[in-house]
Amino acid sequence: MFEELLEFNDSAIPTITLVNMLAKIFEERVAASTTNEYLNQKASRFILFTLGINDGISQNDIVRATHLKGSTISVALSKLEKDGYVKRVNDSYDQRQIRVYLTESGEKLNRERRELIQSMQDKAFKGLTAKEEKNAAFVLSTMIKNLTEEN
């Protein structure tokens, strides 16, 4: 379906719509590539990604980093914790604060997530140079920053 739109006249499609289409296609391809329920769920993938970069951050920090709703993160974390992929630990300095860590199983699942994402990225950037890939990352990062910075 998307291919017909792009072949018709891709210059008529707003860039932000192309970004949205890319995200939708990505989600479809991920779902088709794995049967792992956690890798099929956007919230779980975002949590794994975030903890992979900064293990031991608070649940609120995960919400801020992923731009997902607190309730979405809470439900996903509960399921990940129940199945042994993350653990929540009271902060040693502030007992009111709860830190979230990947377990050994969570680290393994995160490696699977990275491999899946890398495979999708390799396919998405096929035919582009390293410079074009870097430019795309710069443009997308800038767009995210522009849309998420406070006015």
C-alpha atoms as a PDB file:
ATOM      1  CA  MET A   1       0.000   0.000   0.000  1.00  0.00           C
ATOM      2  CA  PHE A   2       2.701   2.504   0.979  1.00  0.00           C
ATOM      3  CA  GLU A   3       4.712   1.658  -2.107  1.00  0.00           C
ATOM      4  CA  GLU A   4       1.894   2.812  -4.421  1.00  0.00           C
ATOM      5  CA  LEU A   5       1.696   6.159  -2.602  1.00  0.00           C
ATOM      6  CA  LEU A   6       5.419   6.748  -2.918  1.00  0.00           C
ATOM      7  CA  GLU A   7       5.556   5.725  -6.584  1.00  0.00           C
ATOM      8  CA  PHE A   8       2.686   8.077  -7.375  1.00  0.00           C
ATOM      9  CA  ASN A   9       4.311  11.302  -6.146  1.00  0.00           C
ATOM     10  CA  ASP A  10       6.487  11.272  -3.046  1.00  0.00           C
ATOM     11  CA  SER A  11       7.052  15.043  -3.192  1.00  0.00           C
ATOM     12  CA  ALA A  12       3.340  15.560  -2.465  1.00  0.00           C
ATOM     13  CA  ILE A  13       3.657  13.751   0.867  1.00  0.00           C
ATOM     14  CA  PRO A  14       4.696  15.950   3.808  1.00  0.00           C
ATOM     15  CA  THR A  15       8.021  14.848   5.321  1.00  0.00           C
ATOM     16  CA  ILE A  16       6.489  14.316   8.760  1.00  0.00           C
ATOM     17  CA  THR A  17       3.953  11.950   7.160  1.00  0.00           C
ATOM     18  CA  LEU A  18       6.832   9.989   5.639  1.00  0.00           C
ATOM     19  CA  VAL A  19       8.361   9.703   9.123  1.00  0.00           C
ATOM     20  CA  ASN A  20       5.040   8.403  10.439  1.00  0.00           C
ATOM     21  CA  MET A  21       4.763   5.929   7.559  1.00  0.00           C
ATOM     22  CA  LEU A  22       8.310   4.734   8.249  1.00  0.00           C
ATOM     23  CA  ALA A  23       7.435   4.118  11.909  1.00  0.00           C
ATOM     24  CA  LYS A  24       4.300   2.169  10.955  1.00  0.00           C
ATOM     25  CA  ILE A  25       6.153   0.037   8.423  1.00  0.00           C
ATOM     26  CA  PHE A  26       8.897  -0.565  10.996  1.00  0.00           C
ATOM     27  CA  GLU A  27       6.321  -1.788  13.562  1.00  0.00           C
ATOM     28  CA  GLU A  28       4.789  -4.122  10.967  1.00  0.00           C
ATOM     29  CA  ARG A  29       8.185  -5.554  10.006  1.00  0.00           C
ATOM     30  CA  VAL A  30       9.188  -6.093  13.638  1.00  0.00           C
ATOM     31  CA  ALA A  31       5.922  -7.948  14.282  1.00  0.00           C
ATOM     32  CA  ALA A  32       6.561 -10.131  11.243  1.00  0.00           C
ATOM     33  CA  SER A  33      10.196 -10.798  12.251  1.00  0.00           C
ATOM     34  CA  THR A  34       9.803 -12.084  15.795  1.00  0.00           C
ATOM     35  CA  THR A  35       7.380 -14.046  17.905  1.00  0.00           C
ATOM     36  CA  ASN A  36       8.823 -12.624  21.126  1.00  0.00           C
ATOM     37  CA  GLU A  37       5.974 -10.668  22.689  1.00  0.00           C
ATOM     38  CA  TYR A  38       8.354  -8.204  24.353  1.00  0.00           C
ATOM     39  CA  LEU A  39      10.125  -7.367  21.120  1.00  0.00           C
ATOM     40  CA  ASN A  40       6.725  -6.935  19.449  1.00  0.00           C
ATOM     41  CA  GLN A  41       5.653  -4.349  22.014  1.00  0.00           C
ATOM     42  CA  LYS A  42       6.873  -0.813  21.466  1.00  0.00           C
ATOM     43  CA  ALA A  43       6.859   0.053  25.185  1.00  0.00           C
ATOM     44  CA  SER A  44       8.960  -2.996  26.085  1.00  0.00           C
ATOM     45  CA  ARG A  45      11.452  -2.274  23.282  1.00  0.00           C
ATOM     46  CA  PHE A  46      11.751   1.350  24.426  1.00  0.00           C
ATOM     47  CA  ILE A  47      12.263   0.280  28.046  1.00  0.00           C
ATOM     48  CA  LEU A  48      14.955  -2.226  27.060  1.00  0.00           C
ATOM     49  CA  PHE A  49      16.649   0.401  24.890  1.00  0.00           C
ATOM     50  CA  THR A  50      16.543   3.004  27.665  1.00  0.00           C
ATOM     51  CA  LEU A  51      17.849   0.640  30.352  1.00  0.00           C
ATOM     52  CA  GLY A  52      20.515  -0.610  27.962  1.00  0.00           C
ATOM     53  CA  ILE A  53      21.867   2.934  27.813  1.00  0.00           C
ATOM     54  CA  ASN A  54      21.269   3.936  31.430  1.00  0.00           C
ATOM     55  CA  ASP A  55      20.549   0.948  33.661  1.00  0.00           C
ATOM     56  CA  GLY A  56      19.240   1.821  37.099  1.00  0.00           C
ATOM     57  CA  ILE A  57      17.237   4.920  36.252  1.00  0.00           C
ATOM     58  CA  SER A  58      13.876   5.671  37.831  1.00  0.00           C
ATOM     59  CA  GLN A  59      10.528   4.789  36.308  1.00  0.00           C
ATOM     60  CA  ASN A  60       9.832   8.514  35.865  1.00  0.00           C
ATOM     61  CA  ASP A  61      13.100   8.875  33.954  1.00  0.00           C
ATOM     62  CA  ILE A  62      11.990   6.037  31.664  1.00  0.00           C
ATOM     63  CA  VAL A  63       8.700   7.864  31.018  1.00  0.00           C
ATOM     64  CA  ARG A  64      10.583  11.067  30.147  1.00  0.00           C
ATOM     65  CA  ALA A  65      13.103   9.254  27.947  1.00  0.00           C
ATOM     66  CA  THR A  66      10.544   7.249  25.972  1.00  0.00           C
ATOM     67  CA  HIS A  67       7.815   9.892  25.681  1.00  0.00           C
ATOM     68  CA  LEU A  68       5.264   7.196  26.533  1.00  0.00           C
ATOM     69  CA  LYS A  69       2.535   7.532  29.142  1.00  0.00           C
ATOM     70  CA  GLY A  70       3.384   6.640  32.723  1.00  0.00           C
ATOM     71  CA  SER A  71       0.600   4.048  32.806  1.00  0.00           C
ATOM     72  CA  THR A  72       1.975   2.396  29.645  1.00  0.00           C
ATOM     73  CA  ILE A  73       5.448   2.188  31.171  1.00  0.00           C
ATOM     74  CA  SER A  74       4.057   0.947  34.493  1.00  0.00           C
ATOM     75  CA  VAL A  75       2.127  -1.910  32.865  1.00  0.00           C
ATOM     76  CA  ALA A  76       5.067  -2.890  30.641  1.00  0.00           C
ATOM     77  CA  LEU A  77       7.519  -2.770  33.565  1.00  0.00           C
ATOM     78  CA  SER A  78       5.231  -4.905  35.722  1.00  0.00           C
ATOM     79  CA  LYS A  79       5.082  -7.553  33.024  1.00  0.00           C
ATOM     80  CA  LEU A  80       8.840  -7.390  32.372  1.00  0.00           C
ATOM     81  CA  GLU A  81       9.487  -7.681  36.112  1.00  0.00           C
ATOM     82  CA  LYS A  82       7.025 -10.566  36.554  1.00  0.00           C
ATOM     83  CA  ASP A  83       8.811 -12.491  33.810  1.00  0.00           C
ATOM     84  CA  GLY A  84      12.269 -11.759  35.241  1.00  0.00           C
ATOM     85  CA  TYR A  85      13.635  -9.275  32.703  1.00  0.00           C
ATOM     86  CA  VAL A  86      13.866  -6.260  35.004  1.00  0.00           C
ATOM     87  CA  LYS A  87      14.049  -5.690  38.729  1.00  0.00           C
ATOM     88  CA  ARG A  88      12.988  -2.672  40.728  1.00  0.00           C
ATOM     89  CA  VAL A  89      15.122  -1.687  43.696  1.00  0.00           C
ATOM     90  CA  ASN A  90      14.649   1.074  46.265  1.00  0.00           C
ATOM     91  CA  ASP A  91      17.262   3.785  45.907  1.00  0.00           C
ATOM     92  CA  SER A  92      19.813   3.515  48.718  1.00  0.00           C
ATOM     93  CA  TYR A  93      19.848   7.310  49.202  1.00  0.00           C
ATOM     94  CA  ASP A  94      16.129   8.019  48.785  1.00  0.00           C
ATOM     95  CA  GLN A  95      13.877   5.098  49.731  1.00  0.00           C
ATOM     96  CA  ARG A  96      10.942   6.792  47.963  1.00  0.00           C
ATOM     97  CA  GLN A  97      12.776   6.481  44.656  1.00  0.00           C
ATOM     98  CA  ILE A  98      12.681   3.150  42.809  1.00  0.00           C
ATOM     99  CA  ARG A  99      15.426   2.276  40.347  1.00  0.00           C
ATOM    100  CA  VAL A 100      14.873  -0.132  37.451  1.00  0.00           C
ATOM    101  CA  TYR A 101      17.607  -2.552  36.345  1.00  0.00           C
ATOM    102  CA  LEU A 102      17.923  -5.170  33.645  1.00  0.00           C
ATOM    103  CA  THR A 103      18.408  -8.697  34.955  1.00  0.00           C
ATOM    104  CA  GLU A 104      20.679 -11.168  33.176  1.00  0.00           C
ATOM    105  CA  SER A 105      17.636 -12.377  31.216  1.00  0.00           C
ATOM    106  CA  GLY A 106      16.777  -8.751  30.457  1.00  0.00           C
ATOM    107  CA  GLU A 107      20.268  -8.117  29.119  1.00  0.00           C
ATOM    108  CA  LYS A 108      19.904 -11.161  26.857  1.00  0.00           C
ATOM    109  CA  LEU A 109      16.521  -9.914  25.638  1.00  0.00           C
ATOM    110  CA  ASN A 110      18.053  -6.487  25.035  1.00  0.00           C
ATOM    111  CA  ARG A 111      20.761  -8.071  22.877  1.00  0.00           C
ATOM    112  CA  GLU A 112      18.001  -9.727  20.824  1.00  0.00           C
ATOM    113  CA  ARG A 113      16.303  -6.322  20.524  1.00  0.00           C
ATOM    114  CA  ARG A 114      19.531  -4.701  19.307  1.00  0.00           C
ATOM    115  CA  GLU A 115      20.043  -7.448  16.702  1.00  0.00           C
ATOM    116  CA  LEU A 116      16.458  -7.093  15.469  1.00  0.00           C
ATOM    117  CA  ILE A 117      16.730  -3.304  15.263  1.00  0.00           C
ATOM    118  CA  GLN A 118      20.110  -3.508  13.522  1.00  0.00           C
ATOM    119  CA  SER A 119      18.659  -5.889  10.955  1.00  0.00           C
ATOM    120  CA  MET A 120      15.762  -3.492  10.310  1.00  0.00           C
ATOM    121  CA  GLN A 121      18.136  -0.546  10.131  1.00  0.00           C
ATOM    122  CA  ASP A 122      20.420  -2.332   7.658  1.00  0.00           C
ATOM    123  CA  LYS A 123      17.430  -3.041   5.443  1.00  0.00           C
ATOM    124  CA  ALA A 124      16.068   0.512   5.745  1.00  0.00           C
ATOM    125  CA  PHE A 125      19.404   2.111   4.834  1.00  0.00           C
ATOM    126  CA  LYS A 126      20.255  -0.301   2.009  1.00  0.00           C
ATOM    127  CA  GLY A 127      21.621   1.673  -0.940  1.00  0.00           C
ATOM    128  CA  LEU A 128      22.522   4.734   1.126  1.00  0.00           C
ATOM    129  CA  THR A 129      26.043   5.848   1.957  1.00  0.00           C
ATOM    130  CA  ALA A 130      27.330   6.104   5.520  1.00  0.00           C
ATOM    131  CA  LYS A 131      27.169   9.893   5.164  1.00  0.00           C
ATOM    132  CA  GLU A 132      23.532   9.754   4.051  1.00  0.00           C
ATOM    133  CA  GLU A 133      22.721   7.503   6.995  1.00  0.00           C
ATOM    134  CA  LYS A 134      24.455   9.920   9.373  1.00  0.00           C
ATOM    135  CA  ASN A 135      22.591  12.857   7.806  1.00  0.00           C
ATOM    136  CA  ALA A 136      19.272  11.040   8.234  1.00  0.00           C
ATOM    137  CA  ALA A 137      20.059  10.434  11.906  1.00  0.00           C
ATOM    138  CA  PHE A 138      20.944  14.115  12.329  1.00  0.00           C
ATOM    139  CA  VAL A 139      17.738  15.298  10.652  1.00  0.00           C
ATOM    140  CA  LEU A 140      15.523  12.923  12.637  1.00  0.00           C
ATOM    141  CA  SER A 141      17.263  13.776  15.918  1.00  0.00           C
ATOM    142  CA  THR A 142      16.811  17.463  15.222  1.00  0.00           C
ATOM    143  CA  MET A 143      13.122  16.954  14.442  1.00  0.00           C
ATOM    144  CA  ILE A 144      12.640  15.048  17.699  1.00  0.00           C
ATOM    145  CA  LYS A 145      14.447  17.754  19.639  1.00  0.00           C
ATOM    146  CA  ASN A 146      12.348  20.475  18.011  1.00  0.00           C
ATOM    147  CA  LEU A 147       9.100  18.701  18.798  1.00  0.00           C
ATOM    148  CA  THR A 148       9.997  17.823  22.389  1.00  0.00           C
ATOM    149  CA  GLU A 149      11.657  20.996  23.624  1.00  0.00           C
ATOM    150  CA  GLU A 150       9.562  23.224  25.837  1.00  0.00           C
ATOM    151  CA  ASN A 151       8.262  26.411  24.241  1.00  0.00           C
END
